[in-house]
Amino acid sequence: MSDQKKKPLMRCLGEFFGNIAQGIKTNPEADANRTEVNRTVEQHTTDEGVILRRTTIDEVEVRNDHD
């Protein structure tokens, strides 16, 4: 068995919704250490009028976590 106490359900729900709220508030464009180096778009149209599109984005991200 485990020696750790389990978190109450309400605590787990609070953490869950808190993480969702934090993700909504975060602006991914604010990260100045990320640079897009390549974007490739492949598109194919079928005879039935269905468009298949694949977009590949290559990025370089430099982290300064060691400060």
N, C-alpha and C. Protein backbone atom coordinates (compact mmCIF):
# COMPACT_ATOMS: atom_id res chain seq x y z
N MET A 1 0.82 -1.17 0.00
CA MET A 1 0.00 0.00 0.00
C MET A 1 0.88 1.25 0.00
N SER A 2 0.26 2.37 -0.20
CA SER A 2 0.97 3.63 -0.29
C SER A 2 0.93 4.37 1.03
N ASP A 3 2.04 5.06 1.35
CA ASP A 3 2.08 5.87 2.56
C ASP A 3 1.53 7.27 2.31
N GLN A 4 1.34 7.64 1.04
CA GLN A 4 0.86 8.97 0.71
C GLN A 4 -0.64 9.05 0.87
N LYS A 5 -1.13 10.19 1.39
CA LYS A 5 -2.57 10.41 1.48
C LYS A 5 -3.08 10.86 0.13
N LYS A 6 -4.26 10.41 -0.23
CA LYS A 6 -4.87 10.83 -1.48
C LYS A 6 -5.47 12.21 -1.33
N LYS A 7 -5.41 12.98 -2.40
CA LYS A 7 -6.00 14.31 -2.39
C LYS A 7 -7.52 14.17 -2.45
N PRO A 8 -8.23 15.07 -1.77
CA PRO A 8 -9.70 15.05 -1.88
C PRO A 8 -10.14 15.39 -3.29
N LEU A 9 -11.32 14.94 -3.64
CA LEU A 9 -11.86 15.17 -4.98
C LEU A 9 -11.96 16.66 -5.31
N MET A 10 -12.41 17.47 -4.36
CA MET A 10 -12.56 18.90 -4.63
C MET A 10 -11.20 19.56 -4.89
N ARG A 11 -10.16 19.10 -4.21
CA ARG A 11 -8.81 19.63 -4.45
C ARG A 11 -8.37 19.30 -5.88
N CYS A 12 -8.60 18.06 -6.30
CA CYS A 12 -8.24 17.65 -7.66
C CYS A 12 -9.00 18.46 -8.70
N LEU A 13 -10.30 18.68 -8.47
CA LEU A 13 -11.08 19.47 -9.42
C LEU A 13 -10.59 20.92 -9.47
N GLY A 14 -10.24 21.49 -8.32
CA GLY A 14 -9.71 22.85 -8.29
C GLY A 14 -8.42 22.97 -9.05
N GLU A 15 -7.51 22.01 -8.88
CA GLU A 15 -6.25 22.03 -9.62
C GLU A 15 -6.49 21.88 -11.12
N PHE A 16 -7.42 21.00 -11.46
CA PHE A 16 -7.74 20.76 -12.88
C PHE A 16 -8.23 22.04 -13.55
N PHE A 17 -9.24 22.69 -12.96
CA PHE A 17 -9.79 23.90 -13.56
C PHE A 17 -8.81 25.07 -13.45
N GLY A 18 -7.97 25.07 -12.43
CA GLY A 18 -6.94 26.10 -12.33
C GLY A 18 -5.93 25.99 -13.46
N ASN A 19 -5.55 24.77 -13.82
CA ASN A 19 -4.63 24.57 -14.94
C ASN A 19 -5.26 24.99 -16.25
N ILE A 20 -6.54 24.72 -16.42
CA ILE A 20 -7.24 25.14 -17.64
C ILE A 20 -7.29 26.66 -17.71
N ALA A 21 -7.62 27.32 -16.60
CA ALA A 21 -7.69 28.79 -16.58
C ALA A 21 -6.32 29.39 -16.87
N GLN A 22 -5.26 28.81 -16.34
CA GLN A 22 -3.91 29.32 -16.58
C GLN A 22 -3.56 29.19 -18.07
N GLY A 23 -3.96 28.10 -18.69
CA GLY A 23 -3.71 27.92 -20.12
C GLY A 23 -4.45 28.92 -20.97
N ILE A 24 -5.65 29.30 -20.54
CA ILE A 24 -6.43 30.28 -21.29
C ILE A 24 -5.80 31.67 -21.15
N LYS A 25 -5.30 31.99 -19.98
CA LYS A 25 -4.71 33.31 -19.73
C LYS A 25 -3.34 33.48 -20.37
N THR A 26 -2.62 32.40 -20.61
CA THR A 26 -1.26 32.47 -21.13
C THR A 26 -1.27 32.87 -22.61
N ASN A 27 -0.40 33.79 -22.95
CA ASN A 27 -0.26 34.25 -24.33
C ASN A 27 0.95 33.57 -24.96
N PRO A 28 0.76 32.62 -25.85
CA PRO A 28 1.92 31.93 -26.44
C PRO A 28 2.77 32.82 -27.33
N GLU A 29 2.20 33.91 -27.82
CA GLU A 29 2.95 34.82 -28.68
C GLU A 29 3.91 35.69 -27.87
N ALA A 30 3.75 35.73 -26.56
CA ALA A 30 4.60 36.58 -25.72
C ALA A 30 5.99 35.98 -25.52
N ASP A 31 6.19 34.75 -25.89
CA ASP A 31 7.49 34.11 -25.72
C ASP A 31 8.44 34.58 -26.83
N ALA A 32 9.37 35.45 -26.47
CA ALA A 32 10.27 36.03 -27.46
C ALA A 32 11.42 35.10 -27.83
N ASN A 33 11.57 33.99 -27.12
CA ASN A 33 12.68 33.08 -27.37
C ASN A 33 12.35 32.02 -28.41
N ARG A 34 11.19 32.12 -29.05
CA ARG A 34 10.79 31.13 -30.03
C ARG A 34 10.80 31.76 -31.41
N THR A 35 11.43 31.10 -32.37
CA THR A 35 11.54 31.63 -33.72
C THR A 35 11.10 30.56 -34.71
N GLU A 36 10.21 30.95 -35.60
CA GLU A 36 9.77 30.04 -36.66
C GLU A 36 10.83 30.05 -37.76
N VAL A 37 11.36 28.87 -38.09
CA VAL A 37 12.41 28.81 -39.09
C VAL A 37 11.92 28.26 -40.43
N ASN A 38 10.80 27.55 -40.41
CA ASN A 38 10.32 26.97 -41.67
C ASN A 38 8.84 26.67 -41.53
N ARG A 39 8.06 26.92 -42.59
CA ARG A 39 6.65 26.55 -42.63
C ARG A 39 6.39 25.93 -44.00
N THR A 40 5.88 24.70 -43.98
CA THR A 40 5.59 23.98 -45.20
C THR A 40 4.11 23.63 -45.24
N VAL A 41 3.44 23.97 -46.35
CA VAL A 41 2.03 23.65 -46.51
C VAL A 41 1.88 22.75 -47.72
N GLU A 42 1.31 21.57 -47.50
CA GLU A 42 1.00 20.64 -48.59
C GLU A 42 -0.51 20.57 -48.72
N GLN A 43 -1.02 20.74 -49.96
CA GLN A 43 -2.46 20.73 -50.16
C GLN A 43 -2.80 19.84 -51.34
N HIS A 44 -3.86 19.05 -51.17
CA HIS A 44 -4.30 18.15 -52.22
C HIS A 44 -5.82 18.23 -52.28
N THR A 45 -6.38 18.44 -53.48
CA THR A 45 -7.83 18.48 -53.67
C THR A 45 -8.26 17.24 -54.43
N THR A 46 -9.24 16.54 -53.88
CA THR A 46 -9.74 15.32 -54.53
C THR A 46 -10.80 15.69 -55.56
N ASP A 47 -11.22 14.70 -56.35
CA ASP A 47 -12.24 14.92 -57.37
C ASP A 47 -13.59 15.24 -56.74
N GLU A 48 -13.81 14.81 -55.50
CA GLU A 48 -15.08 15.05 -54.81
C GLU A 48 -15.13 16.44 -54.16
N GLY A 49 -14.08 17.23 -54.28
CA GLY A 49 -14.04 18.56 -53.71
C GLY A 49 -13.52 18.61 -52.28
N VAL A 50 -12.93 17.51 -51.81
CA VAL A 50 -12.37 17.47 -50.47
C VAL A 50 -10.94 18.00 -50.53
N ILE A 51 -10.63 18.93 -49.65
CA ILE A 51 -9.29 19.50 -49.59
C ILE A 51 -8.55 18.88 -48.40
N LEU A 52 -7.41 18.28 -48.68
CA LEU A 52 -6.55 17.74 -47.65
C LEU A 52 -5.35 18.67 -47.52
N ARG A 53 -5.11 19.17 -46.31
CA ARG A 53 -4.03 20.14 -46.12
C ARG A 53 -3.20 19.73 -44.91
N ARG A 54 -1.89 19.76 -45.05
CA ARG A 54 -0.96 19.49 -43.95
C ARG A 54 -0.02 20.67 -43.84
N THR A 55 0.05 21.24 -42.63
CA THR A 55 0.95 22.35 -42.35
C THR A 55 1.98 21.90 -41.33
N THR A 56 3.25 22.03 -41.67
CA THR A 56 4.35 21.68 -40.78
C THR A 56 5.10 22.95 -40.43
N ILE A 57 5.25 23.21 -39.12
CA ILE A 57 5.96 24.40 -38.65
C ILE A 57 7.17 23.94 -37.86
N ASP A 58 8.34 24.39 -38.28
CA ASP A 58 9.58 24.10 -37.56
C ASP A 58 9.95 25.35 -36.77
N GLU A 59 10.16 25.18 -35.45
CA GLU A 59 10.50 26.30 -34.59
C GLU A 59 11.76 25.98 -33.80
N VAL A 60 12.44 27.05 -33.42
CA VAL A 60 13.60 26.94 -32.53
C VAL A 60 13.25 27.70 -31.27
N GLU A 61 13.38 27.04 -30.11
CA GLU A 61 13.08 27.67 -28.83
C GLU A 61 14.30 27.59 -27.94
N VAL A 62 14.73 28.74 -27.44
CA VAL A 62 15.88 28.80 -26.55
C VAL A 62 15.37 29.09 -25.16
N ARG A 63 15.67 28.21 -24.22
CA ARG A 63 15.22 28.38 -22.84
C ARG A 63 16.39 28.81 -21.97
N ASN A 64 16.12 29.71 -21.06
CA ASN A 64 17.13 30.20 -20.13
C ASN A 64 16.78 29.75 -18.71
N ASP A 65 16.48 28.47 -18.53
CA ASP A 65 16.08 27.93 -17.24
C ASP A 65 17.24 27.80 -16.27
N HIS A 66 18.47 27.82 -16.75
CA HIS A 66 19.62 27.57 -15.90
C HIS A 66 20.09 28.80 -15.13
N ASP A 67 19.39 29.95 -15.27
CA ASP A 67 19.79 31.18 -14.57
C ASP A 67 19.57 31.08 -13.08
